[in-house]
Amino acid sequence: MTQEPELDLTVADTKCGSDSPSVRIMRFWVEVGGDKDVIIKALKGVQVDQVEMWSIAMEEKGVKVLEKKDEGNVIAYKIHLP
């Protein structure tokens, strides 16, 4: 069983616009490639909102949220990247 690539947004520099969750997810997608499942961890609040908005915006491209796990102040998403 292979471990899914993981992006941990909780360690982001939230003051920098170029380091926003949606930009980091897009960069991560380019780095890991498509047609795979990945784990994305986000802090509850703004980061979770941005991951939710990004995943909705990317649905037409084939992005699917497969699982959403509450880990206290962090939400761990299992997302399929096409």
N, C-alpha and C. Protein backbone atom coordinates (compact mmCIF):
# COMPACT_ATOMS: atom_id res chain seq x y z
N MET A 1 0.84 -1.19 0.00
CA MET A 1 0.00 0.00 0.00
C MET A 1 0.88 1.25 0.00
N THR A 2 0.61 2.16 -0.92
CA THR A 2 1.44 3.36 -1.00
C THR A 2 0.82 4.49 -0.18
N GLN A 3 1.67 5.32 0.33
CA GLN A 3 1.24 6.47 1.11
C GLN A 3 0.94 7.62 0.15
N GLU A 4 -0.21 8.27 0.33
CA GLU A 4 -0.56 9.40 -0.52
C GLU A 4 0.37 10.57 -0.23
N PRO A 5 0.73 11.34 -1.28
CA PRO A 5 1.49 12.57 -1.04
C PRO A 5 0.66 13.49 -0.13
N GLU A 6 1.35 14.25 0.71
CA GLU A 6 0.65 15.09 1.68
C GLU A 6 1.12 16.54 1.60
N LEU A 7 0.16 17.45 1.64
CA LEU A 7 0.43 18.88 1.71
C LEU A 7 -0.12 19.37 3.04
N ASP A 8 0.75 19.88 3.89
CA ASP A 8 0.34 20.38 5.21
C ASP A 8 0.29 21.91 5.16
N LEU A 9 -0.91 22.46 4.99
CA LEU A 9 -1.07 23.91 4.91
C LEU A 9 -0.91 24.58 6.26
N THR A 10 -0.93 23.81 7.34
CA THR A 10 -0.89 24.39 8.68
C THR A 10 0.45 25.05 8.99
N VAL A 11 1.47 24.75 8.19
CA VAL A 11 2.79 25.35 8.41
C VAL A 11 3.05 26.52 7.47
N ALA A 12 1.98 27.03 6.81
CA ALA A 12 2.12 28.10 5.82
C ALA A 12 2.37 29.45 6.47
N ASP A 13 3.00 30.32 5.70
CA ASP A 13 3.13 31.73 6.08
C ASP A 13 1.86 32.42 5.60
N THR A 14 0.91 32.60 6.51
CA THR A 14 -0.41 33.10 6.11
C THR A 14 -0.40 34.59 5.77
N LYS A 15 0.70 35.29 6.02
CA LYS A 15 0.74 36.72 5.73
C LYS A 15 1.09 37.02 4.27
N CYS A 16 1.55 36.02 3.55
CA CYS A 16 2.02 36.23 2.19
C CYS A 16 0.96 35.74 1.19
N GLY A 17 0.47 36.61 0.33
CA GLY A 17 -0.56 36.25 -0.65
C GLY A 17 -0.11 35.18 -1.61
N SER A 18 1.17 35.15 -1.96
CA SER A 18 1.66 34.14 -2.89
C SER A 18 1.77 32.77 -2.22
N ASP A 19 1.53 32.73 -0.92
CA ASP A 19 1.58 31.48 -0.18
C ASP A 19 0.18 31.10 0.31
N SER A 20 -0.85 31.57 -0.40
CA SER A 20 -2.22 31.26 0.00
C SER A 20 -2.48 29.76 -0.20
N PRO A 21 -3.44 29.21 0.53
CA PRO A 21 -3.72 27.78 0.37
C PRO A 21 -4.00 27.37 -1.07
N SER A 22 -4.79 28.16 -1.80
CA SER A 22 -5.11 27.76 -3.18
C SER A 22 -3.87 27.75 -4.07
N VAL A 23 -2.98 28.73 -3.90
CA VAL A 23 -1.74 28.76 -4.69
C VAL A 23 -0.85 27.58 -4.30
N ARG A 24 -0.76 27.29 -3.01
CA ARG A 24 0.07 26.15 -2.57
C ARG A 24 -0.49 24.82 -3.09
N ILE A 25 -1.82 24.69 -3.12
CA ILE A 25 -2.42 23.46 -3.64
C ILE A 25 -2.11 23.31 -5.12
N MET A 26 -2.23 24.39 -5.88
CA MET A 26 -1.95 24.32 -7.32
C MET A 26 -0.49 23.94 -7.56
N ARG A 27 0.44 24.53 -6.80
CA ARG A 27 1.86 24.19 -6.92
C ARG A 27 2.10 22.73 -6.58
N PHE A 28 1.45 22.27 -5.51
CA PHE A 28 1.56 20.88 -5.07
C PHE A 28 1.06 19.94 -6.17
N TRP A 29 -0.06 20.29 -6.81
CA TRP A 29 -0.64 19.50 -7.89
C TRP A 29 0.36 19.36 -9.03
N VAL A 30 1.02 20.46 -9.39
CA VAL A 30 2.03 20.44 -10.46
C VAL A 30 3.21 19.55 -10.04
N GLU A 31 3.63 19.65 -8.78
CA GLU A 31 4.78 18.87 -8.30
C GLU A 31 4.50 17.36 -8.28
N VAL A 32 3.33 16.96 -7.76
CA VAL A 32 3.05 15.53 -7.60
C VAL A 32 2.43 14.90 -8.84
N GLY A 33 1.90 15.74 -9.72
CA GLY A 33 1.26 15.22 -10.93
C GLY A 33 -0.18 14.85 -10.66
N GLY A 34 -0.85 14.45 -11.73
CA GLY A 34 -2.27 14.16 -11.60
C GLY A 34 -2.56 12.68 -11.50
N ASP A 35 -3.82 12.36 -11.53
CA ASP A 35 -4.34 11.01 -11.46
C ASP A 35 -3.88 10.29 -10.20
N LYS A 36 -4.00 10.99 -9.07
CA LYS A 36 -3.66 10.36 -7.78
C LYS A 36 -4.44 11.01 -6.66
N ASP A 37 -4.50 10.30 -5.55
CA ASP A 37 -5.13 10.81 -4.34
C ASP A 37 -4.06 11.42 -3.46
N VAL A 38 -4.38 12.56 -2.85
CA VAL A 38 -3.44 13.26 -1.97
C VAL A 38 -4.15 13.62 -0.67
N ILE A 39 -3.35 13.90 0.35
CA ILE A 39 -3.87 14.37 1.64
C ILE A 39 -3.51 15.84 1.76
N ILE A 40 -4.49 16.66 2.11
CA ILE A 40 -4.25 18.08 2.36
C ILE A 40 -4.78 18.39 3.75
N LYS A 41 -3.88 18.92 4.59
CA LYS A 41 -4.26 19.29 5.96
C LYS A 41 -4.39 20.80 6.05
N ALA A 42 -5.50 21.25 6.65
CA ALA A 42 -5.76 22.69 6.77
C ALA A 42 -6.30 23.01 8.16
N LEU A 43 -5.91 24.18 8.66
CA LEU A 43 -6.43 24.65 9.94
C LEU A 43 -7.88 25.07 9.77
N LYS A 44 -8.69 24.80 10.79
CA LYS A 44 -10.08 25.23 10.75
C LYS A 44 -10.11 26.75 10.64
N GLY A 45 -11.06 27.26 9.90
CA GLY A 45 -11.17 28.70 9.68
C GLY A 45 -10.84 29.03 8.24
N VAL A 46 -10.00 30.02 8.05
CA VAL A 46 -9.70 30.53 6.70
C VAL A 46 -9.11 29.45 5.80
N GLN A 47 -8.17 28.64 6.30
CA GLN A 47 -7.56 27.62 5.45
C GLN A 47 -8.59 26.60 4.98
N VAL A 48 -9.44 26.13 5.87
CA VAL A 48 -10.48 25.17 5.50
C VAL A 48 -11.42 25.80 4.48
N ASP A 49 -11.81 27.05 4.71
CA ASP A 49 -12.69 27.75 3.76
C ASP A 49 -12.05 27.81 2.38
N GLN A 50 -10.75 28.11 2.34
CA GLN A 50 -10.08 28.23 1.04
C GLN A 50 -9.93 26.88 0.35
N VAL A 51 -9.67 25.81 1.10
CA VAL A 51 -9.60 24.47 0.50
C VAL A 51 -10.98 24.10 -0.05
N GLU A 52 -12.03 24.38 0.70
CA GLU A 52 -13.39 24.09 0.26
C GLU A 52 -13.71 24.85 -1.03
N MET A 53 -13.41 26.15 -1.06
CA MET A 53 -13.69 26.96 -2.25
C MET A 53 -12.87 26.48 -3.45
N TRP A 54 -11.60 26.15 -3.20
CA TRP A 54 -10.74 25.65 -4.28
C TRP A 54 -11.29 24.35 -4.85
N SER A 55 -11.68 23.43 -3.98
CA SER A 55 -12.16 22.13 -4.46
C SER A 55 -13.47 22.28 -5.25
N ILE A 56 -14.33 23.20 -4.83
CA ILE A 56 -15.57 23.45 -5.58
C ILE A 56 -15.24 24.06 -6.95
N ALA A 57 -14.33 25.03 -6.96
CA ALA A 57 -13.95 25.67 -8.22
C ALA A 57 -13.29 24.69 -9.19
N MET A 58 -12.61 23.67 -8.66
CA MET A 58 -11.88 22.73 -9.50
C MET A 58 -12.68 21.46 -9.83
N GLU A 59 -13.92 21.37 -9.33
CA GLU A 59 -14.75 20.19 -9.61
C GLU A 59 -14.87 19.92 -11.10
N GLU A 60 -15.06 20.98 -11.89
CA GLU A 60 -15.24 20.79 -13.34
C GLU A 60 -13.97 20.27 -14.01
N LYS A 61 -12.84 20.40 -13.33
CA LYS A 61 -11.57 19.85 -13.84
C LYS A 61 -11.38 18.39 -13.41
N GLY A 62 -12.28 17.90 -12.54
CA GLY A 62 -12.20 16.51 -12.10
C GLY A 62 -11.70 16.31 -10.68
N VAL A 63 -11.45 17.40 -9.96
CA VAL A 63 -11.02 17.30 -8.56
C VAL A 63 -12.20 16.81 -7.72
N LYS A 64 -11.94 15.82 -6.84
CA LYS A 64 -12.99 15.28 -5.98
C LYS A 64 -12.49 15.17 -4.55
N VAL A 65 -13.29 15.63 -3.60
CA VAL A 65 -12.99 15.42 -2.18
C VAL A 65 -13.52 14.04 -1.84
N LEU A 66 -12.61 13.11 -1.52
CA LEU A 66 -12.99 11.73 -1.23
C LEU A 66 -13.32 11.51 0.23
N GLU A 67 -12.64 12.26 1.10
CA GLU A 67 -12.80 12.06 2.54
C GLU A 67 -12.42 13.34 3.25
N LYS A 68 -13.08 13.58 4.38
CA LYS A 68 -12.81 14.77 5.19
C LYS A 68 -12.78 14.31 6.64
N LYS A 69 -11.63 14.44 7.30
CA LYS A 69 -11.48 13.93 8.66
C LYS A 69 -11.15 15.08 9.62
N ASP A 70 -11.92 15.19 10.69
CA ASP A 70 -11.70 16.21 11.70
C ASP A 70 -10.65 15.71 12.69
N GLU A 71 -9.55 16.43 12.79
CA GLU A 71 -8.46 16.06 13.70
C GLU A 71 -8.23 17.16 14.74
N GLY A 72 -9.31 17.63 15.35
CA GLY A 72 -9.18 18.70 16.34
C GLY A 72 -9.27 20.05 15.67
N ASN A 73 -8.16 20.82 15.67
CA ASN A 73 -8.20 22.13 15.03
C ASN A 73 -7.74 22.05 13.56
N VAL A 74 -7.56 20.83 13.06
CA VAL A 74 -7.13 20.60 11.69
C VAL A 74 -8.13 19.67 10.99
N ILE A 75 -8.40 19.96 9.72
CA ILE A 75 -9.19 19.06 8.88
C ILE A 75 -8.25 18.42 7.88
N ALA A 76 -8.29 17.09 7.77
CA ALA A 76 -7.47 16.37 6.79
C ALA A 76 -8.39 15.93 5.65
N TYR A 77 -8.07 16.41 4.47
CA TYR A 77 -8.85 16.07 3.27
C TYR A 77 -8.10 15.00 2.48
N LYS A 78 -8.85 14.04 1.96
CA LYS A 78 -8.29 13.13 0.96
C LYS A 78 -8.94 13.58 -0.34
N ILE A 79 -8.11 14.04 -1.28
CA ILE A 79 -8.61 14.64 -2.51
C ILE A 79 -8.02 13.91 -3.71
N HIS A 80 -8.86 13.65 -4.70
CA HIS A 80 -8.37 13.06 -5.96
C HIS A 80 -8.03 14.19 -6.92
N LEU A 81 -6.78 14.20 -7.39
CA LEU A 81 -6.35 15.15 -8.41
C LEU A 81 -6.34 14.43 -9.75
N PRO A 82 -7.06 14.94 -10.74
CA PRO A 82 -7.12 14.28 -12.04
C PRO A 82 -5.82 14.42 -12.83
